[in-house]
Protein backbone atom coordinates (compact mmCIF):
# COMPACT_ATOMS: atom_id res chain seq x y z
CA MET A 1 60.97 120.12 61.60
CA ASP A 2 63.14 123.16 62.43
CA ALA A 3 60.48 124.70 64.68
CA TRP A 4 60.83 124.93 68.45
CA ARG A 5 57.82 126.26 70.36
CA GLY A 6 56.61 128.11 67.29
CA HIS A 7 60.00 129.53 66.30
CA ARG A 8 62.18 128.35 63.44
CA VAL A 9 65.68 127.85 64.88
CA VAL A 10 68.52 129.20 62.76
CA LEU A 11 72.24 129.02 63.55
CA VAL A 12 74.80 131.63 62.55
CA ASP A 13 78.60 131.65 62.63
CA GLY A 14 81.59 132.59 60.54
CA THR A 15 84.73 130.98 59.14
CA CYS A 16 87.66 131.82 56.86
CA LEU A 17 88.62 130.47 53.45
CA THR A 18 92.12 130.43 51.95
CA LEU A 19 92.41 131.76 48.38
CA PRO A 20 95.12 131.34 45.72
CA ASP A 21 97.94 133.86 45.71
CA GLU A 22 96.77 135.93 42.73
CA PRO A 23 97.08 139.75 42.33
CA GLU A 24 93.33 140.24 41.83
CA LEU A 25 92.50 138.20 44.91
CA ARG A 26 95.18 139.93 47.00
CA LYS A 27 93.64 143.26 46.06
CA ASN A 28 90.07 142.26 46.92
CA PHE A 29 90.86 139.91 49.83
CA PRO A 30 94.07 141.25 51.44
CA PRO A 31 96.03 138.76 53.59
CA PRO A 32 95.85 139.33 57.36
CA LYS A 33 98.64 141.31 58.99
CA GLY A 34 100.25 140.01 62.18
CA ASN A 35 103.33 140.64 64.27
CA HIS A 36 105.54 139.16 61.55
CA GLY A 37 104.01 140.99 58.59
CA TYR A 38 101.33 139.99 56.13
CA GLY A 39 100.13 136.44 55.65
CA ARG A 40 101.18 134.34 52.69
CA TYR A 41 97.76 133.96 51.09
CA PRO A 42 94.59 136.02 50.63
CA LEU A 43 91.83 135.18 53.09
CA ALA A 44 88.07 135.57 52.75
CA ARG A 45 85.63 135.64 55.63
CA MET A 46 82.30 133.86 55.27
CA VAL A 47 79.24 134.11 57.50
CA CYS A 48 76.65 131.38 57.14
CA VAL A 49 73.05 131.00 58.37
CA SER A 50 71.62 127.47 58.53
CA LEU A 51 68.60 125.65 59.90
CA ALA A 52 69.30 123.84 63.16
CA ARG A 53 67.40 120.60 62.56
CA THR A 54 68.27 119.96 58.92
CA MET A 55 71.55 121.91 58.61
CA THR A 56 70.60 123.28 55.21
CA VAL A 57 72.16 126.65 54.41
CA VAL A 58 69.55 129.39 54.03
CA ASN A 59 71.97 132.24 53.35
CA TYR A 60 75.65 133.20 53.38
CA ARG A 61 77.92 136.13 52.54
CA ILE A 62 81.61 136.44 51.71
CA GLY A 63 83.77 139.44 52.54
CA LYS A 64 87.28 140.53 53.32
CA TYR A 65 89.11 138.99 56.25
CA ARG A 66 89.10 142.33 58.08
CA GLN A 67 85.33 142.66 57.76
CA ASP A 68 83.49 141.97 61.00
CA GLU A 69 81.16 138.97 60.97
CA ASN A 70 78.30 141.13 62.24
CA THR A 71 78.76 143.46 59.26
CA LEU A 72 78.33 140.49 56.93
CA LEU A 73 75.34 139.17 58.89
CA THR A 74 73.31 142.41 59.02
CA PRO A 75 72.05 142.37 55.37
CA MET A 76 71.05 138.71 55.77
CA LEU A 77 68.75 139.41 58.72
CA LYS A 78 66.11 140.83 56.38
CA THR A 79 66.00 137.55 54.45
CA LEU A 80 64.98 135.53 57.51
CA GLN A 81 61.39 134.91 58.55
CA LYS A 82 59.69 136.96 61.22
CA GLY A 83 59.84 135.11 64.53
CA ASP A 84 62.97 133.10 63.69
CA LEU A 85 65.14 132.30 66.70
CA LEU A 86 68.76 133.21 65.98
CA VAL A 87 71.25 131.08 67.95
CA ALA A 88 74.86 132.30 67.94
CA ASP A 89 78.03 132.45 70.02
CA ARG A 90 79.14 135.51 71.98
CA HIS A 91 80.78 137.13 68.96
CA PHE A 92 77.24 138.03 67.87
CA ALA A 93 76.31 139.30 71.36
CA GLY A 94 75.82 142.94 72.31
CA ALA A 95 72.99 145.30 73.21
CA ASN A 96 73.14 147.11 69.87
CA LEU A 97 73.06 143.79 68.01
CA TYR A 98 70.14 142.54 70.09
CA HIS A 99 68.18 145.66 69.17
CA ASN A 100 68.99 145.06 65.50
CA TYR A 101 67.71 141.48 65.72
CA ARG A 102 64.45 142.63 67.28
CA VAL A 103 63.99 145.40 64.71
CA ASN A 104 64.14 142.72 62.02
CA GLY A 105 61.49 140.68 63.82
CA LEU A 106 63.88 138.01 65.13
CA GLU A 107 64.29 136.40 68.53
CA TYR A 108 67.82 135.67 69.71
CA LEU A 109 69.77 133.33 71.98
CA THR A 110 73.48 133.91 72.48
CA ARG A 111 76.17 133.45 75.05
CA VAL A 112 76.79 136.58 77.11
CA HIS A 113 79.54 138.85 75.81
CA GLN A 114 82.82 138.27 77.65
CA LYS A 115 83.09 141.92 78.76
CA LEU A 116 79.64 142.10 80.33
CA LYS A 117 79.58 142.10 84.15
CA ILE A 118 76.47 140.19 85.23
CA SER A 119 76.71 141.49 88.80
CA ARG A 120 76.29 145.09 87.58
CA LEU A 121 72.99 144.46 85.83
CA LYS A 122 69.88 145.93 87.41
CA ARG A 123 67.31 143.16 87.59
CA LEU A 124 63.76 144.07 86.64
CA TYR A 125 62.36 140.78 87.92
CA GLN A 126 63.62 137.25 88.31
CA HIS A 127 62.22 133.78 87.78
CA SER A 128 64.96 132.34 90.00
CA GLU A 129 68.40 133.32 91.26
CA ASN A 130 69.98 132.15 88.00
CA ASP A 131 67.15 133.22 85.69
CA PHE A 132 66.21 136.89 85.57
CA VAL A 133 65.22 139.74 83.25
CA ALA A 134 67.28 142.95 83.19
CA LYS A 135 67.93 146.04 81.14
CA LEU A 136 71.07 146.04 79.03
CA LYS A 137 72.56 149.41 78.14
CA ILE A 138 73.54 150.21 74.57
CA GLY A 139 76.97 151.84 74.43
CA ASN A 140 77.20 155.60 73.90
CA LEU A 141 79.43 155.11 70.85
CA TYR A 142 76.71 153.15 69.04
CA ARG A 143 74.07 155.70 70.03
CA ARG A 144 76.19 158.55 68.68
CA ARG A 145 76.51 156.71 65.39
CA ASP A 146 72.77 156.01 65.32
CA PRO A 147 70.70 158.48 67.39
CA GLU A 148 67.58 156.36 66.88
CA LEU A 149 68.95 153.57 69.05
CA PRO A 150 67.25 153.27 72.46
CA LYS A 151 69.26 153.60 75.64
CA TYR A 152 68.38 150.12 76.91
CA VAL A 153 67.18 146.76 75.64
CA THR A 154 65.36 144.24 77.82
CA ALA A 155 66.76 140.71 77.87
CA ARG A 156 66.63 137.54 79.91
CA PHE A 157 69.77 136.07 81.48
CA ILE A 158 70.09 132.37 82.30
CA LYS A 159 72.97 130.70 84.12
CA VAL A 160 73.72 127.12 83.08
CA ALA A 161 76.41 124.58 83.89
CA ALA A 162 78.40 123.59 80.82
CA SER A 163 81.57 121.84 79.75
CA ILE A 164 83.83 124.32 77.96
CA ARG A 165 86.93 122.79 76.39
CA GLY A 166 86.56 119.80 78.66
CA LYS A 167 86.23 121.81 81.88
CA GLY A 168 83.04 122.26 83.86
CA ARG A 169 82.12 125.94 84.08
CA ASP A 170 79.13 128.19 84.60
CA MET A 171 77.94 129.93 81.46
CA TRP A 172 75.46 132.77 81.09
CA LEU A 173 73.03 132.89 78.18
CA VAL A 174 71.04 135.91 77.05
CA THR A 175 67.79 135.71 75.10
CA SER A 176 64.78 137.76 74.06
CA LEU A 177 62.43 134.95 75.17
CA LEU A 178 61.36 136.51 78.48
CA ASP A 179 58.51 134.22 79.54
CA ALA A 180 59.89 131.45 81.77
CA THR A 181 56.63 129.49 81.66
CA GLU A 182 56.45 129.37 77.86
CA TYR A 183 60.22 129.05 77.42
CA PRO A 184 61.72 126.97 80.29
CA ALA A 185 65.35 127.66 81.13
CA ASN A 186 66.44 124.02 80.78
CA GLU A 187 65.03 123.82 77.24
CA ILE A 188 66.76 127.06 76.28
CA ALA A 189 70.05 125.65 77.58
CA GLU A 190 69.60 122.48 75.53
CA LEU A 191 68.71 124.58 72.51
CA TYR A 192 71.93 126.59 72.77
CA LEU A 193 73.96 123.38 72.71
CA GLN A 194 72.72 122.83 69.15
CA ARG A 195 74.85 125.81 68.10
CA TRP A 196 77.84 123.50 67.72
CA ARG A 197 76.14 121.89 64.71
CA ILE A 198 77.13 124.81 62.51
CA GLU A 199 80.77 124.06 63.35
CA THR A 200 80.28 120.55 61.94
CA LEU A 201 78.62 122.16 58.90
CA PHE A 202 81.77 124.18 58.28
CA ARG A 203 83.84 121.02 58.63
CA GLN A 204 81.71 119.25 56.02
CA PHE A 205 81.89 122.28 53.73
CA LYS A 206 85.65 122.77 54.07
CA VAL A 207 86.91 119.19 54.47
CA ASN A 208 84.41 116.89 52.73
CA PHE A 209 83.89 119.34 49.86
CA SER A 210 87.50 120.63 49.71
CA SER A 211 86.62 124.28 50.36
CA ASP A 212 89.31 125.06 52.91
CA GLN A 213 91.63 126.15 50.09
CA LEU A 214 89.75 127.41 47.05
CA ARG A 215 91.23 127.11 43.57
CA SER A 216 89.61 129.81 41.45
CA LYS A 217 91.81 132.76 40.49
CA SER A 218 89.32 135.62 40.14
CA VAL A 219 86.77 137.23 42.44
CA ASP A 220 83.84 136.20 40.26
CA ALA A 221 85.05 132.62 40.01
CA ILE A 222 85.57 132.44 43.79
CA SER A 223 81.92 133.46 44.31
CA LYS A 224 80.78 130.77 41.89
CA GLU A 225 83.00 128.13 43.48
CA VAL A 226 81.62 128.83 46.97
CA ALA A 227 78.05 128.90 45.65
CA ALA A 228 78.52 125.53 43.92
CA ARG A 229 79.78 123.92 47.12
CA ILE A 230 76.96 125.44 49.19
CA CYS A 231 74.50 123.99 46.66
CA ALA A 232 76.21 120.60 46.99
CA VAL A 233 75.87 120.70 50.79
CA ASN A 234 72.19 121.59 50.51
CA ILE A 235 71.54 118.83 47.96
CA VAL A 236 73.13 116.22 50.21
CA ARG A 237 71.24 117.51 53.25
CA THR A 238 67.93 117.52 51.34
CA ILE A 239 68.41 113.91 50.26
CA MET A 240 69.37 112.98 53.83
CA LEU A 241 66.18 114.62 55.08
CA GLU A 242 64.11 112.70 52.55
CA ALA A 243 65.83 109.47 53.63
CA ALA A 244 65.11 110.28 57.28
CA ILE A 245 61.42 110.88 56.58
CA GLU A 246 61.12 107.67 54.55
CA SER A 247 62.73 105.57 57.30
CA ASN A 248 61.36 107.58 60.25
CA VAL A 249 64.76 108.41 61.77
CA ASP A 250 66.31 111.60 63.07
CA PRO A 251 68.05 113.39 60.16
CA MET A 252 70.81 114.59 62.50
CA ARG A 253 71.71 110.99 63.33
CA ILE A 254 72.46 110.07 59.70
CA SER A 255 76.14 110.05 58.73
CA PHE A 256 76.92 112.90 56.33
CA VAL A 257 80.11 111.31 54.97
CA THR A 258 78.38 107.97 54.34
CA ALA A 259 75.50 109.77 52.62
CA VAL A 260 77.94 111.44 50.21
CA ARG A 261 79.71 108.16 49.49
CA THR A 262 76.40 106.39 48.92
CA MET A 263 75.27 109.02 46.42
CA ILE A 264 78.57 108.68 44.54
CA ALA A 265 78.24 104.88 44.51
CA TYR A 266 74.69 105.04 43.14
CA ALA A 267 75.49 107.72 40.55
CA PRO A 268 76.59 105.30 37.75
CA ALA A 269 73.41 103.25 38.09
CA MET A 270 71.27 106.39 38.08
CA ALA A 271 73.03 107.55 34.90
CA MET A 272 72.99 104.26 32.95
CA ARG A 273 69.76 102.48 33.87
CA PRO A 274 66.47 103.03 31.99
CA THR A 275 64.26 105.86 33.20
CA HIS A 276 61.51 103.58 34.52
CA GLN A 277 64.03 101.96 36.93
CA LEU A 278 65.22 105.23 38.48
CA PRO A 279 62.51 105.49 41.19
CA LEU A 280 63.41 102.03 42.53
CA ILE A 281 67.13 102.82 42.48
CA TYR A 282 66.48 106.14 44.23
CA GLN A 283 64.39 104.46 46.95
CA SER A 284 67.14 101.90 47.45
CA MET A 285 69.66 104.71 47.83
CA LEU A 286 67.48 106.45 50.44
CA LYS A 287 67.23 103.24 52.49
CA GLU A 288 71.00 102.75 52.31
CA ILE A 289 71.60 106.35 53.47
CA ALA A 290 69.13 106.04 56.35
CA SER A 291 70.72 102.78 57.55
CA HIS A 292 73.97 104.47 58.58
CA ILE A 293 73.15 106.00 61.96
CA VAL A 294 75.79 107.65 64.12
CA PRO A 295 75.61 106.93 67.87
CA GLU A 296 74.24 109.36 70.42
CA ARG A 297 77.09 111.58 71.62
CA PRO A 298 75.77 114.02 74.27
CA GLY A 299 78.32 116.50 75.52
CA ARG A 300 80.73 115.53 72.79
CA LEU A 301 84.04 117.36 72.97
CA GLU A 302 85.93 118.10 69.76
CA PRO A 303 89.30 119.76 70.48
CA ARG A 304 90.63 121.97 67.71
CA ARG A 305 93.87 120.04 67.31
CA LEU A 306 95.43 117.86 64.65
CA ALA A 307 94.72 114.15 65.02
CA HIS A 308 97.63 113.11 62.77
CA ASP A 309 101.07 114.48 62.07
CA PRO A 310 101.55 116.06 58.64
CA LYS A 311 103.65 114.35 56.01
CA HIS A 312 107.37 114.47 56.69
CA TYR A 313 108.23 116.48 53.60
CA PRO A 314 110.12 119.80 53.70
CA ARG A 315 108.02 122.92 53.22
CA LEU A 316 107.99 124.28 49.66
CA ARG A 317 108.95 127.95 50.03
CA ILE A 318 109.07 128.81 46.33
CA THR A 319 106.59 128.26 43.54
CA ARG A 320 106.50 124.88 41.84
CA GLU A 321 107.55 126.51 38.57
CA GLN A 322 110.66 127.93 40.25
CA TRP A 323 111.43 124.56 41.83
CA ARG A 324 111.19 122.82 38.46
CA ALA A 325 113.53 125.38 36.90
CA GLN A 326 116.13 124.78 39.62
CA TYR A 327 115.90 121.01 40.05
CA ALA A 328 114.58 119.61 36.77
CA ALA A 329 117.13 117.34 35.11
């Protein structure tokens, strides 16, 4: 189900998680430093790899906020299957990174890095004016660090029209899929648009499963808390996939939030009814999950802004224990 023209499509991106203000966590996950000093809470950076068509998480890593997302991703590349197509944003773009993907047997599709000048590329051959193959130079700094790196990598560049933050713009994509006959440019463009799904995965992980602000107070407990929530996401997604197969619907059209609520509603019956009734209850639950289909929303725009004002309470700038000591009757 996750295959596209013989390649399993995997999405990769990163996010940040807020941790409790504990000495051990501050030591292992230092708060970010800005123009006004250090942040108030420790922050952890997480990089996640998921399947595009089922949105199940295949791997993830947690590190310090200052750790680069590519540093966290590199060890996970070896756990992917040979021939997987890695779809990512331009933070994971770069000639040295492309070489690393190919060394691990992966294909890639990313947005072009913002510092790359397309007009300066020397075209080897072109399928059209907006679809050509060129050599991309690996920076001298990376080659000094690793003398085994080649001087150039060969990649295909495709120009597509896209809506970026509500504005129509031209966007360049870069991929290792060089054959225009086997991999048409319009299909590659549509495939890249699926990258946004991992952003919705992070929303489900952080909002629906309350992972935006973790509660554990030690490094080991934080790892377990994240792992438990990742398992919960995968369990829900697996049941949604089973419901989609049973009802012959697209798994990406099923409402994630409704699926979670349905599972919670059916949980008491699954726990209290006799064992021989469980298959019927489970099948009923699958049908209920598959019946909640979200509408088609091509080109959907989701601005990163608050939809509602926060509560009109003053900000608590001391600990709750200190507040109780000062204001308790």
